[in-house]
Each structure stands twice: as C-alpha cells, then as structure tokens.
Amino acid sequence: MSDRGQQLDPAFVLHRRPYGETSLIVDLFTLHHGHFSAVARGAARPRSQWQAELQPFRPLRISWSGRQSLKTLGHAEATAPALALAGDRLYCGFYLNELLLRLLTEADPAPDLFSAYLDTLERLAAGSAALEPTLRRFEYRLAGELGYGISWDRAGDTGEPVQPERYYAFHPAQGVLAEAPGPVGGIPGEHLLALAADELDNQAVLRLAKRLMRSLVDHLLQGRPLHSRRLFVRQGRSE
C-alpha cells in the first residue's frame, strides 16, 4: 500500500525492535492486509512522534510502501488511547501478540480475527471479563482462522454426534475422537457439549478447555517456545 492517496488501514503493533541507530522494525497486524513487518524510519529518535504511537495495544491507522517482505512505514496515527492493560491482563496481551506473531502467515488478510483480537483486548482492558475464558475463546478463533477449527459436538473419526454419557479423546490435528486414541483422553461427552455451547462458567469445563487448547496451540507452534508463557510462570500461573 502506498503511503499517499490511499485509505489508511486500521492496525496494531504486535512487537517492535531497534533497527540501526534511529529506526525501528515494527511487526504489525492490520485489518485488511494481515500481519507484516515494516521499518519505521527515524522512529527511535527521542523527539519522534512515533515513539509514543508505535506501542502495542494502541489502535492505529497506517500506510506503508514496498513490495518486499520488509515494508517501509509511511504514516501512522493513533485513533484512540492505548488500551490500558496491567498485571495479568498485560501478560495476556503479550500472549495474544506472540501467538499472532508466531502463527499468522505473512500478509494473509484475516479481518474476522482482527475484530476478535480488538474485542479481546477491549475485554481485557475493561477489567470485568474473566481472563481464562477470554483467552480460550481467542485461541479457538485463532485456530479456526488457521484451518484447525474444532467441532466439539461431533467425533472426527466417526462423524457421529458426541453423546453426553460417553468418554472421548482429543488429537489437535483430528479433533474429538470417539474410537481412536489421542494425547488427551477420558473426556466426558457432557463437557464437550458444554464447550460446543460456549459454557465456560463451569470450572470443570474451563479446565478441560485449557487442556485442549494448550494441546492445540502447542501443535500449531511445532515445538517453538512462547516467551510470554514465562511471565505467567513467574507469577505462579499459566496462560
């Protein structure tokens, strides 16, 4: 996208790092163009207005230029104050950003996921939403965007509906299994049906959602570690 004469795209900074003496490389997630990296020239100078604007969790509108994988940022303006995240909610924000950085294909538009990301940040910033259900719902949306949508109410190996009185297994690449083994087993059918109905207020169902989504996220990461998980571990928690 040229930085002149075209509509600015809504965006968030996922990560930033120094580039040379006066510039930054910013990893961006945009509404219409997905995730990509761009050089923000001069942004590391003390008086640059981009110092304050190119921060995670701040809604932006941006333009850029370049046909290579590393673009050049042309314009960036904040459209609202940064979403106020602190403590565990800030760690959750870092976790979301790292998931997007690690798992999204470069320059692959994902407008529905962008909307889900913004909604998740707003829920975290509001302070009223419970953290774990909020994270589980975003992980589920992300997995679906990547082609790993799971039907909790139907067994992937038999195609049959999940029965509440039966027990099932789960494989991240195959979903719910009625007859085949999986990394996670002994799953009550009634809990899977609760997941299908998005009933995450039940603690047993929420614990199950965490186990299943952890298995799925680890599968998608293919052994790559998430640095943001260390923040939760230091606080005696897990994401």
Protein backbone atom coordinates (compact mmCIF):
# COMPACT_ATOMS: atom_id res chain seq x y z
CA MET A 1 0.00 0.00 0.00
CA SER A 2 1.32 3.40 -0.88
CA ASP A 3 1.52 5.94 1.89
CA ARG A 4 -0.06 8.57 -0.34
CA GLY A 5 -3.52 8.77 -1.79
CA GLN A 6 -4.90 5.58 -0.29
CA GLN A 7 -7.08 4.81 2.67
CA LEU A 8 -5.26 4.16 5.92
CA ASP A 9 -5.64 0.66 7.33
CA PRO A 10 -6.54 0.01 11.00
CA ALA A 11 -3.62 -1.69 12.72
CA PHE A 12 -1.93 -2.70 15.96
CA VAL A 13 1.75 -3.04 16.76
CA LEU A 14 2.47 -6.58 17.93
CA HIS A 15 6.18 -6.04 18.61
CA ARG A 16 8.95 -3.53 17.90
CA ARG A 17 12.74 -3.66 17.96
CA PRO A 18 15.65 -1.36 17.09
CA TYR A 19 16.83 -1.08 13.50
CA GLY A 20 20.05 0.83 13.02
CA GLU A 21 20.62 3.86 15.22
CA THR A 22 17.42 5.81 14.65
CA SER A 23 14.79 3.43 13.29
CA LEU A 24 12.54 0.60 14.43
CA ILE A 25 11.21 -2.57 12.89
CA VAL A 26 7.56 -2.90 13.85
CA ASP A 27 5.55 -6.11 13.49
CA LEU A 28 2.04 -5.05 12.56
CA PHE A 29 -1.38 -6.68 12.45
CA THR A 30 -3.75 -4.88 10.10
CA LEU A 31 -7.44 -5.21 9.34
CA HIS A 32 -7.20 -5.76 5.59
CA HIS A 33 -3.63 -6.94 5.00
CA GLY A 34 -2.89 -9.26 7.91
CA HIS A 35 0.48 -9.41 9.61
CA PHE A 36 3.74 -8.00 8.24
CA SER A 37 6.87 -6.13 9.35
CA ALA A 38 7.86 -2.59 8.40
CA VAL A 39 10.73 -0.20 9.02
CA ALA A 40 9.69 2.97 10.83
CA ARG A 41 12.49 5.30 9.81
CA GLY A 42 13.57 7.78 12.45
CA ALA A 43 11.11 6.37 14.98
CA ALA A 44 13.84 5.75 17.57
CA ARG A 45 14.82 9.41 17.68
CA PRO A 46 13.91 10.95 21.05
CA ARG A 47 11.63 13.60 19.51
CA SER A 48 9.89 11.34 17.03
CA GLN A 49 6.11 11.33 17.44
CA TRP A 50 6.19 7.65 16.52
CA GLN A 51 7.94 6.84 19.81
CA ALA A 52 4.63 7.18 21.63
CA GLU A 53 2.30 5.99 18.89
CA LEU A 54 4.06 2.80 17.80
CA GLN A 55 3.27 0.94 21.00
CA PRO A 56 1.42 -2.35 21.48
CA PHE A 57 -2.31 -2.20 22.28
CA ARG A 58 -2.77 1.26 20.74
CA PRO A 59 -5.29 1.45 17.87
CA LEU A 60 -3.63 2.94 14.79
CA ARG A 61 -4.26 3.77 11.18
CA ILE A 62 -1.25 3.24 8.97
CA SER A 63 0.06 3.26 5.41
CA TRP A 64 3.22 1.75 4.02
CA SER A 65 5.15 1.10 0.82
CA GLY A 66 7.35 -1.63 -0.61
CA ARG A 67 6.94 -4.99 -2.30
CA GLN A 68 9.49 -6.91 -0.22
CA SER A 69 8.66 -8.78 2.98
CA LEU A 70 10.02 -5.84 4.99
CA LYS A 71 7.91 -2.78 4.17
CA THR A 72 8.55 0.89 4.90
CA LEU A 73 6.05 2.59 7.17
CA GLY A 74 4.80 5.79 5.61
CA HIS A 75 2.22 7.10 8.06
CA ALA A 76 0.91 6.09 11.46
CA GLU A 77 -1.62 7.88 13.60
CA ALA A 78 -3.30 6.80 16.80
CA THR A 79 -7.09 6.66 16.65
CA ALA A 80 -7.58 6.15 20.38
CA PRO A 81 -5.50 5.94 23.56
CA ALA A 82 -3.69 2.68 24.19
CA LEU A 83 -5.89 0.05 25.80
CA ALA A 84 -4.94 0.05 29.46
CA LEU A 85 -3.61 -3.38 30.42
CA ALA A 86 -1.79 -4.07 33.67
CA GLY A 87 -0.66 -7.06 35.70
CA ASP A 88 -2.01 -10.39 34.48
CA ARG A 89 -4.06 -8.61 31.82
CA LEU A 90 -0.91 -7.12 30.35
CA TYR A 91 0.69 -10.58 30.27
CA CYS A 92 -2.42 -11.84 28.47
CA GLY A 93 -1.96 -9.09 25.88
CA PHE A 94 1.66 -10.10 25.32
CA TYR A 95 0.50 -13.71 24.96
CA LEU A 96 -2.04 -12.78 22.28
CA ASN A 97 0.55 -10.75 20.38
CA GLU A 98 3.10 -13.55 20.44
CA LEU A 99 0.55 -16.07 19.22
CA LEU A 100 -0.24 -13.84 16.24
CA LEU A 101 3.44 -13.25 15.51
CA ARG A 102 4.30 -16.94 15.60
CA LEU A 103 1.29 -18.40 13.85
CA LEU A 104 -0.07 -15.99 11.24
CA THR A 105 1.09 -16.29 7.66
CA GLU A 106 2.65 -13.06 6.41
CA ALA A 107 0.33 -10.69 4.53
CA ASP A 108 -2.64 -13.07 4.75
CA PRO A 109 -5.77 -10.96 5.42
CA ALA A 110 -7.76 -12.04 8.49
CA PRO A 111 -10.37 -9.34 9.14
CA ASP A 112 -12.54 -11.53 11.38
CA LEU A 113 -9.52 -12.41 13.52
CA PHE A 114 -8.55 -8.73 13.70
CA SER A 115 -12.02 -7.96 15.04
CA ALA A 116 -11.72 -10.81 17.55
CA TYR A 117 -8.31 -9.51 18.65
CA LEU A 118 -9.66 -5.99 19.18
CA ASP A 119 -12.67 -7.34 21.08
CA THR A 120 -10.40 -9.47 23.28
CA LEU A 121 -8.15 -6.51 24.10
CA GLU A 122 -11.17 -4.39 24.97
CA ARG A 123 -12.48 -7.10 27.27
CA LEU A 124 -9.11 -7.40 28.99
CA ALA A 125 -8.86 -3.62 29.37
CA ALA A 126 -12.39 -3.35 30.78
CA GLY A 127 -11.27 -5.47 33.73
CA SER A 128 -14.61 -7.23 34.14
CA ALA A 129 -14.07 -10.23 31.88
CA ALA A 130 -12.59 -13.38 33.42
CA LEU A 131 -9.13 -13.96 31.99
CA GLU A 132 -9.13 -17.66 31.18
CA PRO A 133 -12.44 -17.82 29.27
CA THR A 134 -11.34 -14.73 27.35
CA LEU A 135 -8.06 -16.36 26.32
CA ARG A 136 -9.70 -19.68 25.45
CA ARG A 137 -12.21 -18.00 23.14
CA PHE A 138 -9.46 -16.12 21.31
CA GLU A 139 -7.32 -19.26 20.94
CA TYR A 140 -10.33 -21.03 19.46
CA ARG A 141 -10.92 -18.21 16.95
CA LEU A 142 -7.23 -18.18 16.01
CA ALA A 143 -7.17 -21.95 15.50
CA GLY A 144 -10.22 -21.70 13.25
CA GLU A 145 -8.54 -18.97 11.19
CA LEU A 146 -5.55 -21.27 10.72
CA GLY A 147 -7.73 -24.12 9.48
CA TYR A 148 -7.91 -26.02 12.77
CA GLY A 149 -11.49 -25.32 13.73
CA ILE A 150 -12.75 -27.99 16.12
CA SER A 151 -16.34 -29.27 16.30
CA TRP A 152 -16.65 -30.13 19.97
CA ASP A 153 -20.03 -31.77 19.49
CA ARG A 154 -19.02 -34.26 16.77
CA ALA A 155 -16.37 -37.00 16.70
CA GLY A 156 -13.87 -36.51 13.91
CA ASP A 157 -13.11 -40.19 13.44
CA THR A 158 -16.68 -41.48 13.22
CA GLY A 159 -18.65 -38.38 12.24
CA GLU A 160 -21.18 -39.17 14.95
CA PRO A 161 -22.59 -36.61 17.40
CA VAL A 162 -20.98 -36.54 20.83
CA GLN A 163 -23.05 -38.35 23.45
CA PRO A 164 -23.10 -36.84 26.95
CA GLU A 165 -22.70 -40.18 28.73
CA ARG A 166 -19.67 -41.35 26.70
CA TYR A 167 -15.97 -40.56 27.05
CA TYR A 168 -13.76 -39.28 24.23
CA ALA A 169 -10.18 -38.46 23.29
CA PHE A 170 -8.71 -35.43 21.53
CA HIS A 171 -6.00 -35.01 18.93
CA PRO A 172 -5.10 -31.45 17.80
CA ALA A 173 -4.92 -32.47 14.14
CA GLN A 174 -8.07 -34.63 14.20
CA GLY A 175 -10.31 -33.09 16.81
CA VAL A 176 -12.61 -35.10 19.06
CA LEU A 177 -12.15 -38.87 18.75
CA ALA A 178 -14.73 -41.50 19.67
CA GLU A 179 -12.70 -44.64 18.99
CA ALA A 180 -9.10 -43.65 18.20
CA PRO A 181 -6.63 -42.68 20.95
CA GLY A 182 -5.34 -39.12 21.36
CA PRO A 183 -2.91 -37.13 23.52
CA VAL A 184 -5.81 -36.11 25.77
CA GLY A 185 -8.18 -38.86 26.82
CA GLY A 186 -11.01 -39.61 29.22
CA ILE A 187 -13.01 -36.56 28.20
CA PRO A 188 -16.66 -36.61 29.32
CA GLY A 189 -19.05 -36.07 26.44
CA GLU A 190 -21.15 -33.72 28.56
CA HIS A 191 -18.13 -31.42 28.93
CA LEU A 192 -17.52 -31.41 25.18
CA LEU A 193 -21.15 -30.45 24.61
CA ALA A 194 -20.73 -27.63 27.12
CA LEU A 195 -17.69 -26.44 25.15
CA ALA A 196 -19.76 -26.53 21.96
CA ALA A 197 -22.31 -24.30 23.70
CA ASP A 198 -19.52 -21.95 24.92
CA GLU A 199 -20.42 -22.64 28.54
CA LEU A 200 -17.12 -21.68 30.16
CA ASP A 201 -18.56 -20.68 33.52
CA ASN A 202 -18.30 -24.30 34.70
CA GLN A 203 -14.85 -24.80 36.24
CA ALA A 204 -14.50 -28.40 35.06
CA VAL A 205 -15.33 -27.35 31.51
CA LEU A 206 -12.94 -24.42 31.74
CA ARG A 207 -10.12 -26.70 32.92
CA LEU A 208 -10.85 -29.02 30.01
CA ALA A 209 -10.82 -26.09 27.57
CA LYS A 210 -7.40 -25.11 28.87
CA ARG A 211 -6.00 -28.63 28.39
CA LEU A 212 -7.41 -28.96 24.89
CA MET A 213 -6.38 -25.51 23.68
CA ARG A 214 -2.90 -25.93 25.18
CA SER A 215 -2.55 -29.16 23.20
CA LEU A 216 -3.77 -27.44 20.03
CA VAL A 217 -1.59 -24.33 20.43
CA ASP A 218 1.50 -26.46 21.11
CA HIS A 219 0.73 -28.47 17.99
CA LEU A 220 0.47 -25.29 15.92
CA LEU A 221 3.73 -23.96 17.36
CA GLN A 222 5.55 -27.19 16.40
CA GLY A 223 7.83 -27.09 19.40
CA ARG A 224 8.65 -23.40 19.31
CA PRO A 225 8.51 -21.84 22.80
CA LEU A 226 6.37 -18.87 23.74
CA HIS A 227 8.36 -16.31 25.73
CA SER A 228 5.16 -14.77 27.10
CA ARG A 229 4.42 -18.00 28.97
CA ARG A 230 7.39 -17.28 31.20
CA LEU A 231 5.61 -14.18 32.52
CA PHE A 232 2.76 -16.33 33.80
CA VAL A 233 5.15 -18.90 35.27
CA ARG A 234 6.96 -16.19 37.22
CA GLN A 235 3.65 -15.25 38.79
CA GLY A 236 2.88 -18.86 39.68
CA ARG A 237 0.23 -19.03 36.96
CA SER A 238 -0.15 -20.42 33.45
CA GLU A 239 -1.88 -18.98 30.44
